[in-house]
PDB file of N, CA and C in Angstrom:
ATOM      1  N   SER A   1       0.837  -1.188   0.000  1.00  0.00           N
ATOM      2  CA  SER A   1       0.000   0.000   0.000  1.00  0.00           C
ATOM      3  C   SER A   1       0.875   1.242   0.000  1.00  0.00           C
ATOM      4  N   ALA A   2       0.257   2.373  -0.108  1.00  0.00           N
ATOM      5  CA  ALA A   2       0.985   3.642  -0.081  1.00  0.00           C
ATOM      6  C   ALA A   2       1.693   3.850   1.260  1.00  0.00           C
ATOM      7  N   TRP A   3       1.303   3.090   2.260  1.00  0.00           N
ATOM      8  CA  TRP A   3       1.971   3.185   3.570  1.00  0.00           C
ATOM      9  C   TRP A   3       3.465   2.893   3.435  1.00  0.00           C
ATOM     10  N   THR A   4       3.830   2.053   2.472  1.00  0.00           N
ATOM     11  CA  THR A   4       5.232   1.716   2.235  1.00  0.00           C
ATOM     12  C   THR A   4       6.043   2.966   1.909  1.00  0.00           C
ATOM     13  N   LEU A   5       5.462   3.873   1.134  1.00  0.00           N
ATOM     14  CA  LEU A   5       6.157   5.124   0.806  1.00  0.00           C
ATOM     15  C   LEU A   5       6.395   5.950   2.062  1.00  0.00           C
ATOM     16  N   THR A   6       5.426   5.964   2.955  1.00  0.00           N
ATOM     17  CA  THR A   6       5.570   6.679   4.220  1.00  0.00           C
ATOM     18  C   THR A   6       6.690   6.064   5.050  1.00  0.00           C
ATOM     19  N   GLU A   7       6.739   4.750   5.095  1.00  0.00           N
ATOM     20  CA  GLU A   7       7.799   4.081   5.852  1.00  0.00           C
ATOM     21  C   GLU A   7       9.180   4.379   5.278  1.00  0.00           C
ATOM     22  N   MET A   8       9.296   4.380   3.957  1.00  0.00           N
ATOM     23  CA  MET A   8      10.593   4.682   3.339  1.00  0.00           C
ATOM     24  C   MET A   8      11.011   6.122   3.636  1.00  0.00           C
ATOM     25  N   ALA A   9      10.068   7.049   3.604  1.00  0.00           N
ATOM     26  CA  ALA A   9      10.383   8.440   3.946  1.00  0.00           C
ATOM     27  C   ALA A   9      10.832   8.537   5.399  1.00  0.00           C
ATOM     28  N   SER A  10      10.203   7.778   6.272  1.00  0.00           N
ATOM     29  CA  SER A  10      10.570   7.773   7.685  1.00  0.00           C
ATOM     30  C   SER A  10      11.983   7.236   7.889  1.00  0.00           C
ATOM     31  N   ILE A  11      12.292   6.147   7.212  1.00  0.00           N
ATOM     32  CA  ILE A  11      13.641   5.569   7.319  1.00  0.00           C
ATOM     33  C   ILE A  11      14.684   6.580   6.870  1.00  0.00           C
ATOM     34  N   GLY A  12      14.418   7.227   5.739  1.00  0.00           N
ATOM     35  CA  GLY A  12      15.346   8.243   5.244  1.00  0.00           C
ATOM     36  C   GLY A  12      15.503   9.391   6.217  1.00  0.00           C
ATOM     37  N   GLY A  13      14.393   9.813   6.813  1.00  0.00           N
ATOM     38  CA  GLY A  13      14.438  10.894   7.792  1.00  0.00           C
ATOM     39  C   GLY A  13      15.256  10.530   9.019  1.00  0.00           C
ATOM     40  N   ILE A  14      15.070   9.328   9.507  1.00  0.00           N
ATOM     41  CA  ILE A  14      15.831   8.866  10.679  1.00  0.00           C
ATOM     42  C   ILE A  14      17.320   8.819  10.353  1.00  0.00           C
ATOM     43  N   LYS A  15      17.659   8.233   9.212  1.00  0.00           N
ATOM     44  CA  LYS A  15      19.073   8.142   8.813  1.00  0.00           C
ATOM     45  C   LYS A  15      19.683   9.535   8.649  1.00  0.00           C
ATOM     46  N   HIS A  16      18.904  10.459   8.109  1.00  0.00           N
ATOM     47  CA  HIS A  16      19.394  11.826   7.915  1.00  0.00           C
ATOM     48  C   HIS A  16      19.598  12.529   9.258  1.00  0.00           C
ATOM     49  N   ARG A  17      18.627  12.420  10.142  1.00  0.00           N
ATOM     50  CA  ARG A  17      18.721  13.087  11.451  1.00  0.00           C
ATOM     51  C   ARG A  17      19.859  12.544  12.305  1.00  0.00           C
ATOM     52  N   THR A  18      20.183  11.279  12.136  1.00  0.00           N
ATOM     53  CA  THR A  18      21.274  10.692  12.925  1.00  0.00           C
ATOM     54  C   THR A  18      22.634  10.875  12.257  1.00  0.00           C
ATOM     55  N   GLY A  19      22.640  11.510  11.093  1.00  0.00           N
ATOM     56  CA  GLY A  19      23.896  11.780  10.407  1.00  0.00           C
ATOM     57  C   GLY A  19      24.432  10.626   9.581  1.00  0.00           C
ATOM     58  N   ALA A  20      23.658   9.567   9.448  1.00  0.00           N
ATOM     59  CA  ALA A  20      24.112   8.412   8.671  1.00  0.00           C
ATOM     60  C   ALA A  20      24.141   8.709   7.171  1.00  0.00           C
ATOM     61  N   ILE A  21      23.255   9.604   6.714  1.00  0.00           N
ATOM     62  CA  ILE A  21      23.233  10.006   5.307  1.00  0.00           C
ATOM     63  C   ILE A  21      23.000  11.504   5.219  1.00  0.00           C
ATOM     64  N   ASP A  22      23.403  12.091   4.099  1.00  0.00           N
ATOM     65  CA  ASP A  22      23.182  13.525   3.904  1.00  0.00           C
ATOM     66  C   ASP A  22      21.853  13.755   3.180  1.00  0.00           C
ATOM     67  N   THR A  23      21.484  15.014   3.026  1.00  0.00           N
ATOM     68  CA  THR A  23      20.200  15.371   2.419  1.00  0.00           C
ATOM     69  C   THR A  23      20.077  14.828   1.003  1.00  0.00           C
ATOM     70  N   GLU A  24      21.126  14.991   0.220  1.00  0.00           N
ATOM     71  CA  GLU A  24      21.081  14.531  -1.171  1.00  0.00           C
ATOM     72  C   GLU A  24      20.875  13.021  -1.252  1.00  0.00           C
ATOM     73  N   THR A  25      21.562  12.275  -0.415  1.00  0.00           N
ATOM     74  CA  THR A  25      21.418  10.816  -0.404  1.00  0.00           C
ATOM     75  C   THR A  25      20.005  10.424  -0.001  1.00  0.00           C
ATOM     76  N   ARG A  26      19.465  11.096   1.010  1.00  0.00           N
ATOM     77  CA  ARG A  26      18.087  10.812   1.450  1.00  0.00           C
ATOM     78  C   ARG A  26      17.101  11.057   0.319  1.00  0.00           C
ATOM     79  N   GLN A  27      17.230  12.203  -0.338  1.00  0.00           N
ATOM     80  CA  GLN A  27      16.310  12.539  -1.426  1.00  0.00           C
ATOM     81  C   GLN A  27      16.440  11.563  -2.592  1.00  0.00           C
ATOM     82  N   GLN A  28      17.666  11.197  -2.921  1.00  0.00           N
ATOM     83  CA  GLN A  28      17.894  10.267  -4.030  1.00  0.00           C
ATOM     84  C   GLN A  28      17.346   8.880  -3.707  1.00  0.00           C
ATOM     85  N   ALA A  29      17.551   8.427  -2.484  1.00  0.00           N
ATOM     86  CA  ALA A  29      17.043   7.108  -2.087  1.00  0.00           C
ATOM     87  C   ALA A  29      15.521   7.063  -2.172  1.00  0.00           C
ATOM     88  N   LEU A  30      14.854   8.111  -1.700  1.00  0.00           N
ATOM     89  CA  LEU A  30      13.393   8.141  -1.758  1.00  0.00           C
ATOM     90  C   LEU A  30      12.913   8.199  -3.206  1.00  0.00           C
ATOM     91  N   ALA A  31      13.578   9.003  -4.033  1.00  0.00           N
ATOM     92  CA  ALA A  31      13.205   9.077  -5.450  1.00  0.00           C
ATOM     93  C   ALA A  31      13.390   7.721  -6.128  1.00  0.00           C
ATOM     94  N   ASN A  32      14.492   7.046  -5.821  1.00  0.00           N
ATOM     95  CA  ASN A  32      14.737   5.717  -6.395  1.00  0.00           C
ATOM     96  C   ASN A  32      13.665   4.726  -5.969  1.00  0.00           C
ATOM     97  N   PHE A  33      13.292   4.766  -4.683  1.00  0.00           N
ATOM     98  CA  PHE A  33      12.262   3.844  -4.215  1.00  0.00           C
ATOM     99  C   PHE A  33      10.922   4.158  -4.867  1.00  0.00           C
ATOM    100  N   GLN A  34      10.582   5.431  -4.976  1.00  0.00           N
ATOM    101  CA  GLN A  34       9.311   5.801  -5.603  1.00  0.00           C
ATOM    102  C   GLN A  34       9.268   5.341  -7.062  1.00  0.00           C
ATOM    103  N   ARG A  35      10.384   5.469  -7.763  1.00  0.00           N
ATOM    104  CA  ARG A  35      10.467   5.008  -9.149  1.00  0.00           C
ATOM    105  C   ARG A  35      10.297   3.484  -9.197  1.00  0.00           C
ATOM    106  N   PHE A  36      11.009   2.775  -8.328  1.00  0.00           N
ATOM    107  CA  PHE A  36      10.889   1.318  -8.256  1.00  0.00           C
ATOM    108  C   PHE A  36       9.444   0.913  -7.957  1.00  0.00           C
ATOM    109  N   ALA A  37       8.836   1.569  -6.976  1.00  0.00           N
ATOM    110  CA  ALA A  37       7.469   1.227  -6.577  1.00  0.00           C
ATOM    111  C   ALA A  37       6.489   1.443  -7.725  1.00  0.00           C
ATOM    112  N   SER A  38       6.653   2.540  -8.451  1.00  0.00           N
ATOM    113  CA  SER A  38       5.713   2.828  -9.536  1.00  0.00           C
ATOM    114  C   SER A  38       5.867   1.843 -10.699  1.00  0.00           C
ATOM    115  N   MET A  39       7.075   1.305 -10.880  1.00  0.00           N
ATOM    116  CA  MET A  39       7.316   0.390 -11.999  1.00  0.00           C
ATOM    117  C   MET A  39       7.122  -1.079 -11.626  1.00  0.00           C
ATOM    118  N   ARG A  40       7.367  -1.433 -10.372  1.00  0.00           N
ATOM    119  CA  ARG A  40       7.433  -2.850 -10.007  1.00  0.00           C
ATOM    120  C   ARG A  40       6.430  -3.321  -8.958  1.00  0.00           C
ATOM    121  N   LEU A  41       5.874  -2.406  -8.200  1.00  0.00           N
ATOM    122  CA  LEU A  41       4.975  -2.807  -7.120  1.00  0.00           C
ATOM    123  C   LEU A  41       3.542  -2.436  -7.454  1.00  0.00           C
ATOM    124  N   GLY A  42       2.637  -3.309  -7.120  1.00  0.00           N
ATOM    125  CA  GLY A  42       1.224  -2.977  -7.230  1.00  0.00           C
ATOM    126  C   GLY A  42       0.810  -2.253  -5.956  1.00  0.00           C
ATOM    127  N   MET A  43       0.430  -1.016  -6.087  1.00  0.00           N
ATOM    128  CA  MET A  43       0.029  -0.231  -4.913  1.00  0.00           C
ATOM    129  C   MET A  43      -1.492  -0.244  -4.802  1.00  0.00           C
ATOM    130  N   THR A  44      -1.959  -0.323  -3.600  1.00  0.00           N
ATOM    131  CA  THR A  44      -3.392  -0.281  -3.349  1.00  0.00           C
ATOM    132  C   THR A  44      -3.660   0.742  -2.262  1.00  0.00           C
ATOM    133  N   GLU A  45      -4.851   1.242  -2.250  1.00  0.00           N
ATOM    134  CA  GLU A  45      -5.230   2.202  -1.215  1.00  0.00           C
ATOM    135  C   GLU A  45      -5.627   1.459   0.058  1.00  0.00           C
ATOM    136  N   ILE A  46      -5.346   2.085   1.167  1.00  0.00           N
ATOM    137  CA  ILE A  46      -5.774   1.549   2.456  1.00  0.00           C
ATOM    138  C   ILE A  46      -7.239   1.928   2.644  1.00  0.00           C
ATOM    139  N   GLU A  47      -8.045   0.964   3.026  1.00  0.00           N
ATOM    140  CA  GLU A  47      -9.475   1.191   3.232  1.00  0.00           C
ATOM    141  C   GLU A  47      -9.767   1.295   4.727  1.00  0.00           C
ATOM    142  N   PRO A  48     -10.859   1.975   5.089  1.00  0.00           N
ATOM    143  CA  PRO A  48     -11.198   2.095   6.514  1.00  0.00           C
ATOM    144  C   PRO A  48     -11.247   0.749   7.241  1.00  0.00           C
ATOM    145  N   ALA A  49     -11.736  -0.276   6.582  1.00  0.00           N
ATOM    146  CA  ALA A  49     -11.811  -1.597   7.220  1.00  0.00           C
ATOM    147  C   ALA A  49     -10.424  -2.147   7.536  1.00  0.00           C
ATOM    148  N   ASP A  50      -9.403  -1.727   6.769  1.00  0.00           N
ATOM    149  CA  ASP A  50      -8.040  -2.196   7.030  1.00  0.00           C
ATOM    150  C   ASP A  50      -7.555  -1.721   8.396  1.00  0.00           C
ATOM    151  N   PHE A  51      -7.928  -0.515   8.779  1.00  0.00           N
ATOM    152  CA  PHE A  51      -7.540  -0.002  10.097  1.00  0.00           C
ATOM    153  C   PHE A  51      -8.210  -0.810  11.204  1.00  0.00           C
ATOM    154  N   ARG A  52      -9.473  -1.161  10.990  1.00  0.00           N
ATOM    155  CA  ARG A  52     -10.178  -1.971  11.994  1.00  0.00           C
ATOM    156  C   ARG A  52      -9.561  -3.369  12.087  1.00  0.00           C
ATOM    157  N   THR A  53      -9.225  -3.949  10.942  1.00  0.00           N
ATOM    158  CA  THR A  53      -8.571  -5.261  10.948  1.00  0.00           C
ATOM    159  C   THR A  53      -7.223  -5.183  11.643  1.00  0.00           C
ATOM    160  N   ALA A  54      -6.461  -4.126  11.359  1.00  0.00           N
ATOM    161  CA  ALA A  54      -5.152  -3.953  12.007  1.00  0.00           C
ATOM    162  C   ALA A  54      -5.307  -3.880  13.521  1.00  0.00           C
ATOM    163  N   ALA A  55      -6.346  -3.203  13.993  1.00  0.00           N
ATOM    164  CA  ALA A  55      -6.582  -3.102  15.437  1.00  0.00           C
ATOM    165  C   ALA A  55      -6.836  -4.480  16.039  1.00  0.00           C
ATOM    166  N   VAL A  56      -7.547  -5.327  15.319  1.00  0.00           N
ATOM    167  CA  VAL A  56      -7.789  -6.693  15.788  1.00  0.00           C
ATOM    168  C   VAL A  56      -6.482  -7.492  15.773  1.00  0.00           C
ATOM    169  N   LEU A  57      -5.691  -7.333  14.712  1.00  0.00           N
ATOM    170  CA  LEU A  57      -4.426  -8.070  14.606  1.00  0.00           C
ATOM    171  C   LEU A  57      -3.454  -7.690  15.714  1.00  0.00           C
ATOM    172  N   ILE A  58      -3.489  -6.433  16.147  1.00  0.00           N
ATOM    173  CA  ILE A  58      -2.622  -5.970  17.241  1.00  0.00           C
ATOM    174  C   ILE A  58      -2.882  -6.788  18.506  1.00  0.00           C
ATOM    175  N   GLU A  59      -4.109  -7.244  18.676  1.00  0.00           N
ATOM    176  CA  GLU A  59      -4.481  -8.019  19.866  1.00  0.00           C
ATOM    177  C   GLU A  59      -4.061  -9.484  19.768  1.00  0.00           C
ATOM    178  N   SER A  60      -3.558  -9.903  18.610  1.00  0.00           N
ATOM    179  CA  SER A  60      -3.162 -11.305  18.427  1.00  0.00           C
ATOM    180  C   SER A  60      -1.840 -11.570  19.138  1.00  0.00           C
ATOM    181  N   PRO A  61      -1.459 -12.838  19.251  1.00  0.00           N
ATOM    182  CA  PRO A  61      -0.170 -13.161  19.881  1.00  0.00           C
ATOM    183  C   PRO A  61       1.021 -12.932  18.944  1.00  0.00           C
ATOM    184  N   ALA A  62       0.819 -12.214  17.846  1.00  0.00           N
ATOM    185  CA  ALA A  62       1.854 -12.086  16.815  1.00  0.00           C
ATOM    186  C   ALA A  62       2.888 -10.999  17.086  1.00  0.00           C
ATOM    187  N   ASP A  63       2.789 -10.238  18.166  1.00  0.00           N
ATOM    188  CA  ASP A  63       3.771  -9.205  18.516  1.00  0.00           C
ATOM    189  C   ASP A  63       3.976  -8.210  17.379  1.00  0.00           C
ATOM    190  N   LEU A  64       2.894  -7.530  17.007  1.00  0.00           N
ATOM    191  CA  LEU A  64       2.911  -6.612  15.874  1.00  0.00           C
ATOM    192  C   LEU A  64       3.078  -5.160  16.280  1.00  0.00           C
ATOM    193  N   ARG A  65       3.810  -4.434  15.467  1.00  0.00           N
ATOM    194  CA  ARG A  65       3.837  -2.974  15.543  1.00  0.00           C
ATOM    195  C   ARG A  65       2.668  -2.475  14.700  1.00  0.00           C
ATOM    196  N   VAL A  66       2.255  -1.247  14.923  1.00  0.00           N
ATOM    197  CA  VAL A  66       1.069  -0.705  14.255  1.00  0.00           C
ATOM    198  C   VAL A  66       1.206  -0.738  12.735  1.00  0.00           C
ATOM    199  N   GLY A  67       2.313  -0.237  12.215  1.00  0.00           N
ATOM    200  CA  GLY A  67       2.499  -0.217  10.765  1.00  0.00           C
ATOM    201  C   GLY A  67       2.496  -1.608  10.163  1.00  0.00           C
ATOM    202  N   ASP A  68       3.104  -2.549  10.862  1.00  0.00           N
ATOM    203  CA  ASP A  68       3.124  -3.932  10.383  1.00  0.00           C
ATOM    204  C   ASP A  68       1.719  -4.527  10.382  1.00  0.00           C
ATOM    205  N   ALA A  69       0.950  -4.222  11.406  1.00  0.00           N
ATOM    206  CA  ALA A  69      -0.429  -4.716  11.460  1.00  0.00           C
ATOM    207  C   ALA A  69      -1.230  -4.181  10.280  1.00  0.00           C
ATOM    208  N   LEU A  70      -0.988  -2.930   9.918  1.00  0.00           N
ATOM    209  CA  LEU A  70      -1.689  -2.347   8.777  1.00  0.00           C
ATOM    210  C   LEU A  70      -1.272  -3.037   7.477  1.00  0.00           C
ATOM    211  N   HIS A  71       0.019  -3.274   7.306  1.00  0.00           N
ATOM    212  CA  HIS A  71       0.484  -4.018   6.123  1.00  0.00           C
ATOM    213  C   HIS A  71      -0.201  -5.379   6.039  1.00  0.00           C
ATOM    214  N   LEU A  72      -0.235  -6.089   7.151  1.00  0.00           N
ATOM    215  CA  LEU A  72      -0.817  -7.431   7.155  1.00  0.00           C
ATOM    216  C   LEU A  72      -2.323  -7.396   6.934  1.00  0.00           C
ATOM    217  N   ALA A  73      -2.982  -6.370   7.436  1.00  0.00           N
ATOM    218  CA  ALA A  73      -4.426  -6.237   7.219  1.00  0.00           C
ATOM    219  C   ALA A  73      -4.725  -6.060   5.731  1.00  0.00           C
ATOM    220  N   VAL A  74      -3.946  -5.226   5.070  1.00  0.00           N
ATOM    221  CA  VAL A  74      -4.137  -5.016   3.630  1.00  0.00           C
ATOM    222  C   VAL A  74      -3.826  -6.305   2.870  1.00  0.00           C
ATOM    223  N   ALA A  75      -2.738  -6.968   3.228  1.00  0.00           N
ATOM    224  CA  ALA A  75      -2.380  -8.229   2.565  1.00  0.00           C
ATOM    225  C   ALA A  75      -3.481  -9.267   2.748  1.00  0.00           C
ATOM    226  N   ARG A  76      -4.034  -9.324   3.938  1.00  0.00           N
ATOM    227  CA  ARG A  76      -5.117 -10.284   4.205  1.00  0.00           C
ATOM    228  C   ARG A  76      -6.322  -9.974   3.319  1.00  0.00           C
ATOM    229  N   ARG A  77      -6.687  -8.701   3.228  1.00  0.00           N
ATOM    230  CA  ARG A  77      -7.838  -8.311   2.400  1.00  0.00           C
ATOM    231  C   ARG A  77      -7.617  -8.687   0.940  1.00  0.00           C
ATOM    232  N   LEU A  78      -6.404  -8.491   0.448  1.00  0.00           N
ATOM    233  CA  LEU A  78      -6.107  -8.744  -0.959  1.00  0.00           C
ATOM    234  C   LEU A  78      -5.747 -10.197  -1.256  1.00  0.00           C
ATOM    235  N   GLY A  79      -5.516 -10.987  -0.204  1.00  0.00           N
ATOM    236  CA  GLY A  79      -5.041 -12.351  -0.412  1.00  0.00           C
ATOM    237  C   GLY A  79      -3.624 -12.367  -0.965  1.00  0.00           C
ATOM    238  N   ALA A  80      -2.847 -11.342  -0.608  1.00  0.00           N
ATOM    239  CA  ALA A  80      -1.479 -11.186  -1.116  1.00  0.00           C
ATOM    240  C   ALA A  80      -0.482 -11.863  -0.186  1.00  0.00           C
ATOM    241  N   ARG A  81       0.654 -12.223  -0.749  1.00  0.00           N
ATOM    242  CA  ARG A  81       1.749 -12.759   0.048  1.00  0.00           C
ATOM    243  C   ARG A  81       2.589 -11.604   0.584  1.00  0.00           C
ATOM    244  N   ILE A  82       3.232 -11.837   1.715  1.00  0.00           N
ATOM    245  CA  ILE A  82       4.100 -10.846   2.347  1.00  0.00           C
ATOM    246  C   ILE A  82       5.531 -11.068   1.871  1.00  0.00           C
ATOM    247  N   ALA A  83       6.181  -9.982   1.457  1.00  0.00           N
ATOM    248  CA  ALA A  83       7.601 -10.025   1.086  1.00  0.00           C
ATOM    249  C   ALA A  83       8.315  -8.986   1.934  1.00  0.00           C
ATOM    250  N   SER A  84       9.195  -9.437   2.810  1.00  0.00           N
ATOM    251  CA  SER A  84       9.892  -8.509   3.694  1.00  0.00           C
ATOM    252  C   SER A  84      11.183  -9.140   4.199  1.00  0.00           C
ATOM    253  N   LEU A  85      12.152  -8.290   4.474  1.00  0.00           N
ATOM    254  CA  LEU A  85      13.374  -8.739   5.140  1.00  0.00           C
ATOM    255  C   LEU A  85      13.270  -8.542   6.648  1.00  0.00           C
ATOM    256  N   ASP A  86      12.139  -8.019   7.098  1.00  0.00           N
ATOM    257  CA  ASP A  86      11.880  -7.785   8.516  1.00  0.00           C
ATOM    258  C   ASP A  86      11.435  -9.111   9.141  1.00  0.00           C
ATOM    259  N   HIS A  87      12.328  -9.715   9.897  1.00  0.00           N
ATOM    260  CA  HIS A  87      12.045 -11.036  10.478  1.00  0.00           C
ATOM    261  C   HIS A  87      10.849 -11.002  11.423  1.00  0.00           C
ATOM    262  N   ARG A  88      10.678  -9.915  12.140  1.00  0.00           N
ATOM    263  CA  ARG A  88       9.551  -9.793  13.069  1.00  0.00           C
ATOM    264  C   ARG A  88       8.222  -9.773  12.305  1.00  0.00           C
ATOM    265  N   LEU A  89       8.180  -9.017  11.207  1.00  0.00           N
ATOM    266  CA  LEU A  89       6.977  -8.965  10.382  1.00  0.00           C
ATOM    267  C   LEU A  89       6.690 -10.334   9.769  1.00  0.00           C
ATOM    268  N   CYS A  90       7.714 -11.000   9.273  1.00  0.00           N
ATOM    269  CA  CYS A  90       7.532 -12.325   8.673  1.00  0.00           C
ATOM    270  C   CYS A  90       7.038 -13.342   9.699  1.00  0.00           C
ATOM    271  N   ALA A  91       7.568 -13.271  10.905  1.00  0.00           N
ATOM    272  CA  ALA A  91       7.120 -14.181  11.964  1.00  0.00           C
ATOM    273  C   ALA A  91       5.656 -13.923  12.299  1.00  0.00           C
ATOM    274  N   ALA A  92       5.273 -12.659  12.354  1.00  0.00           N
ATOM    275  CA  ALA A  92       3.875 -12.317  12.638  1.00  0.00           C
ATOM    276  C   ALA A  92       2.965 -12.818  11.524  1.00  0.00           C
ATOM    277  N   ALA A  93       3.396 -12.657  10.283  1.00  0.00           N
ATOM    278  CA  ALA A  93       2.603 -13.148   9.152  1.00  0.00           C
ATOM    279  C   ALA A  93       2.388 -14.651   9.267  1.00  0.00           C
ATOM    280  N   GLU A  94       3.437 -15.352   9.659  1.00  0.00           N
ATOM    281  CA  GLU A  94       3.338 -16.804   9.813  1.00  0.00           C
ATOM    282  C   GLU A  94       2.358 -17.173  10.925  1.00  0.00           C
ATOM    283  N   VAL A  95       2.448 -16.493  12.063  1.00  0.00           N
ATOM    284  CA  VAL A  95       1.531 -16.747  13.181  1.00  0.00           C
ATOM    285  C   VAL A  95       0.082 -16.544  12.741  1.00  0.00           C
ATOM    286  N   LEU A  96      -0.135 -15.541  11.881  1.00  0.00           N
ATOM    287  CA  LEU A  96      -1.489 -15.210  11.434  1.00  0.00           C
ATOM    288  C   LEU A  96      -1.930 -16.016  10.218  1.00  0.00           C
ATOM    289  N   GLY A  97      -1.061 -16.905   9.743  1.00  0.00           N
ATOM    290  CA  GLY A  97      -1.425 -17.761   8.622  1.00  0.00           C
ATOM    291  C   GLY A  97      -1.390 -17.082   7.266  1.00  0.00           C
ATOM    292  N   LEU A  98      -0.649 -15.984   7.161  1.00  0.00           N
ATOM    293  CA  LEU A  98      -0.531 -15.296   5.878  1.00  0.00           C
ATOM    294  C   LEU A  98       0.656 -15.848   5.101  1.00  0.00           C
ATOM    295  N   ALA A  99       0.482 -15.994   3.805  1.00  0.00           N
ATOM    296  CA  ALA A  99       1.535 -16.545   2.954  1.00  0.00           C
ATOM    297  C   ALA A  99       2.675 -15.546   2.797  1.00  0.00           C
ATOM    298  N   ARG A 100       3.890 -16.086   2.669  1.00  0.00           N
ATOM    299  CA  ARG A 100       5.074 -15.243   2.492  1.00  0.00           C
ATOM    300  C   ARG A 100       5.712 -15.521   1.146  1.00  0.00           C
ATOM    301  N   PHE A 101       6.289 -14.479   0.584  1.00  0.00           N
ATOM    302  CA  PHE A 101       7.106 -14.597  -0.614  1.00  0.00           C
ATOM    303  C   PHE A 101       8.539 -14.593  -0.135  1.00  0.00           C
ATOM    304  N   GLU A 102       9.255 -15.683  -0.355  1.00  0.00           N
ATOM    305  CA  GLU A 102      10.621 -15.805   0.162  1.00  0.00           C
ATOM    306  C   GLU A 102      11.579 -14.914  -0.615  1.00  0.00           C
ATOM    307  N   LEU A 103      12.297 -14.071   0.096  1.00  0.00           N
ATOM    308  CA  LEU A 103      13.332 -13.230  -0.494  1.00  0.00           C
ATOM    309  C   LEU A 103      14.675 -13.876  -0.212  1.00  0.00           C
ATOM    310  N   SER A 104      15.559 -13.835  -1.194  1.00  0.00           N
ATOM    311  CA  SER A 104      16.883 -14.409  -0.945  1.00  0.00           C
ATOM    312  C   SER A 104      17.965 -13.376  -1.083  1.00  0.00           C
TER     313      SER A 104
END
């Protein structure tokens, strides 16, 4: 979903504020991701029901962060597989019975 763009902007902001990257690198990384997303990722809008589903998922034993719960709620609605290098998110997807796309 478009939430992914928000997360990438957040990551860039954190790296910039901590001095790990400069402004130009942050801007270029976000532009590169936006280009990749527009060409390679199917983006969907978050629906009001996704927020309600995420709230229910937060109560599960899956140890979810809010943003991850929202990702999983959208994936559940779409019947999509989860692709992530975030081990915590992948473990939560498994606990909730959501299919994963293995990244190598």
